[in-house]
Amino acid sequence: RGPPSGHRGMGNDLSCCAKRADEKNHIQRSISKNPKADPQNVSVEGPVRQPQSDKVGIGAYFERSKIGTGLVVKSILSGSPAYKTGKISVGDAVEKVDGHDVTAAKLAELAELLLGAAGSRVSLSFKSVTSDKVYTVEVVRGIPLPILYNN
C-alpha cells in the first residue's frame, strides 16, 4: 500500500520512490491586501518541488523499525518491481543495497541508494521478518518518482 492519492509528504517515512529535491525552485505570484478590490495584485514566493524524471525506484516504502534498529519494508506497491520479486515482505529489514551496509542508514540515505536510472539493477539484502534468514534479490528499477507541487 503506497501513500494516499494527493499525498504531499510522508513525514518521517521516505520511500525509494520519493526524495527531497536538492535544489529549491521558486515561483512568484502577486497577492493583494484587498483581493476583492484588486484580484490581480498578489505576491507570494515559495519553494516548488519539481519532478525528477531521471531517477526511479523499486516500488517499496520503508520506515524505521519499531522493534529495534534499522529500516524495514512498510509497504509494497502492487505490480511494482519489488512486488514482482515475490520475495520481499512487509516487515523485512533491509541490510544491504549493492553491497553497502544500510543497517544504520537514515531513510534519505537509503532512498539515494535505491533510486537510479529506469531499467538499471539494484541488489538488495533483507532479513526476513518471519524466518530471520537473510536473502538477496536483484530488482530492476522502474517506478517513477511522484510529482509534487506546492500550490
Protein backbone atom coordinates (compact mmCIF):
# COMPACT_ATOMS: atom_id res chain seq x y z
CA ARG A 1 0.00 0.00 0.00
CA GLY A 2 1.50 3.32 -1.07
CA PRO A 3 0.73 6.83 0.10
CA PRO A 4 -2.81 8.12 -0.32
CA SER A 5 -3.72 9.90 -3.52
CA GLY A 6 -2.73 13.54 -3.38
CA HIS A 7 -0.30 12.88 -0.53
CA ARG A 8 2.20 15.74 -0.42
CA GLY A 9 4.66 14.47 2.15
CA MET A 10 5.45 11.34 4.09
CA GLY A 11 6.52 12.76 7.46
CA ASN A 12 9.38 10.62 8.73
CA ASP A 13 8.71 7.95 6.14
CA LEU A 14 10.64 8.14 2.91
CA SER A 15 10.42 5.69 0.10
CA CYS A 16 12.62 4.63 -2.72
CA CYS A 17 10.15 6.46 -4.90
CA ALA A 18 10.44 9.82 -3.23
CA LYS A 19 13.23 12.05 -2.06
CA ARG A 20 13.90 15.64 -1.19
CA ALA A 21 14.95 17.91 -4.02
CA ASP A 22 18.50 19.20 -3.66
CA GLU A 23 17.66 22.45 -5.36
CA LYS A 24 14.77 24.72 -4.48
CA ASN A 25 12.96 26.45 -7.30
CA HIS A 26 10.83 29.49 -6.65
CA ILE A 27 7.68 30.87 -8.16
CA GLN A 28 6.26 34.32 -7.66
CA ARG A 29 2.64 35.38 -7.55
CA SER A 30 1.05 38.67 -6.61
CA ILE A 31 -1.20 38.98 -3.56
CA SER A 32 -3.34 41.98 -2.80
CA LYS A 33 -4.16 43.16 0.71
CA ASN A 34 -7.71 43.55 -0.58
CA PRO A 35 -8.28 40.70 -3.09
CA LYS A 36 -11.88 41.71 -3.82
CA ALA A 37 -10.80 45.19 -4.89
CA ASP A 38 -7.62 44.12 -6.67
CA PRO A 39 -7.74 40.36 -7.54
CA GLN A 40 -4.73 40.52 -9.89
CA ASN A 41 -2.22 42.00 -7.42
CA VAL A 42 -0.97 39.11 -5.30
CA SER A 43 2.67 38.44 -4.39
CA VAL A 44 3.87 35.12 -2.98
CA GLU A 45 7.22 33.43 -3.18
CA GLY A 46 7.89 29.86 -2.14
CA PRO A 47 9.72 26.63 -2.97
CA VAL A 48 8.28 24.27 -5.54
CA ARG A 49 9.34 20.65 -5.88
CA GLN A 50 9.87 19.75 -9.47
CA PRO A 51 9.55 16.22 -10.83
CA GLN A 52 12.81 14.34 -11.16
CA SER A 53 12.16 12.02 -14.05
CA ASP A 54 15.77 10.85 -14.32
CA LYS A 55 15.57 8.64 -11.21
CA VAL A 56 13.13 5.85 -10.45
CA GLY A 57 12.63 3.43 -7.59
CA ILE A 58 11.56 -0.15 -6.96
CA GLY A 59 8.05 0.37 -5.57
CA ALA A 60 8.69 -0.29 -1.89
CA TYR A 61 8.20 2.08 1.04
CA PHE A 62 10.40 1.89 4.13
CA GLU A 63 10.20 3.09 7.72
CA ARG A 64 12.32 3.00 10.87
CA SER A 65 11.84 -0.31 12.70
CA LYS A 66 9.51 -0.08 15.70
CA ILE A 67 11.16 -3.06 17.43
CA GLY A 68 14.86 -2.45 17.18
CA THR A 69 17.15 -0.67 14.82
CA GLY A 70 17.29 -0.42 11.08
CA LEU A 71 14.82 0.15 8.28
CA VAL A 72 12.01 -2.20 7.37
CA VAL A 73 9.62 -2.54 4.45
CA LYS A 74 6.46 -0.55 5.25
CA SER A 75 4.55 -1.37 2.07
CA ILE A 76 4.99 -2.63 -1.48
CA LEU A 77 3.15 -1.27 -4.50
CA SER A 78 1.17 -3.96 -6.29
CA GLY A 79 2.73 -4.76 -9.67
CA SER A 80 5.97 -2.93 -8.83
CA PRO A 81 9.46 -4.37 -9.38
CA ALA A 82 9.71 -5.10 -5.62
CA TYR A 83 6.36 -6.90 -5.74
CA LYS A 84 7.36 -8.93 -8.79
CA THR A 85 10.34 -10.49 -6.98
CA GLY A 86 7.84 -12.49 -4.95
CA LYS A 87 10.27 -12.49 -2.03
CA ILE A 88 10.13 -9.09 -0.33
CA SER A 89 7.60 -8.90 2.51
CA VAL A 90 6.30 -6.10 4.71
CA GLY A 91 8.40 -6.08 7.88
CA ASP A 92 11.57 -7.42 6.25
CA ALA A 93 14.65 -5.45 7.36
CA VAL A 94 16.88 -4.10 4.60
CA GLU A 95 20.55 -4.83 5.37
CA LYS A 96 22.49 -4.08 2.16
CA VAL A 97 21.99 -2.18 -1.08
CA ASP A 98 24.53 -3.01 -3.81
CA GLY A 99 26.87 -4.30 -1.10
CA HIS A 100 26.59 -1.16 1.07
CA ASP A 101 25.60 -1.87 4.68
CA VAL A 102 22.42 0.15 5.40
CA THR A 103 21.56 -1.27 8.83
CA ALA A 104 22.31 2.12 10.43
CA ALA A 105 21.28 4.28 7.45
CA LYS A 106 18.77 7.10 7.52
CA LEU A 107 15.70 6.90 5.25
CA ALA A 108 17.12 9.60 2.97
CA GLU A 109 20.39 7.68 2.62
CA LEU A 110 18.50 4.52 1.72
CA ALA A 111 16.48 6.41 -0.89
CA GLU A 112 19.68 7.74 -2.50
CA LEU A 113 20.96 4.18 -2.90
CA LEU A 114 17.67 2.78 -4.18
CA LEU A 115 16.92 5.47 -6.74
CA GLY A 116 18.53 5.17 -10.16
CA ALA A 117 18.02 5.10 -13.90
CA ALA A 118 14.96 3.28 -15.23
CA GLY A 119 15.92 -0.27 -16.20
CA SER A 120 19.07 -0.33 -14.04
CA ARG A 121 19.50 -3.10 -11.49
CA VAL A 122 19.96 -2.88 -7.74
CA SER A 123 20.90 -5.73 -5.41
CA LEU A 124 19.17 -5.79 -2.01
CA SER A 125 19.74 -7.99 1.03
CA PHE A 126 16.95 -8.37 3.56
CA LYS A 127 16.48 -10.18 6.86
CA SER A 128 13.11 -11.93 6.72
CA VAL A 129 10.61 -10.89 9.37
CA THR A 130 9.23 -14.44 9.53
CA SER A 131 12.36 -16.61 9.44
CA ASP A 132 15.24 -14.28 10.44
CA LYS A 133 17.11 -15.62 7.39
CA VAL A 134 18.96 -13.21 5.13
CA TYR A 135 18.12 -13.29 1.44
CA THR A 136 19.27 -11.25 -1.56
CA VAL A 137 17.22 -10.14 -4.56
CA GLU A 138 18.10 -8.21 -7.69
CA VAL A 139 15.45 -5.69 -8.69
CA VAL A 140 15.13 -3.69 -11.91
CA ARG A 141 14.26 -0.07 -11.14
CA GLY A 142 11.12 1.15 -12.78
CA ILE A 143 8.79 3.20 -10.54
CA PRO A 144 8.93 6.94 -11.32
CA LEU A 145 9.16 9.48 -8.50
CA PRO A 146 5.89 11.16 -7.62
CA ILE A 147 5.40 14.68 -8.92
CA LEU A 148 4.82 17.06 -6.02
CA TYR A 149 3.90 20.72 -6.35
CA ASN A 150 3.21 23.46 -3.84
CA ASN A 151 0.18 25.47 -4.87
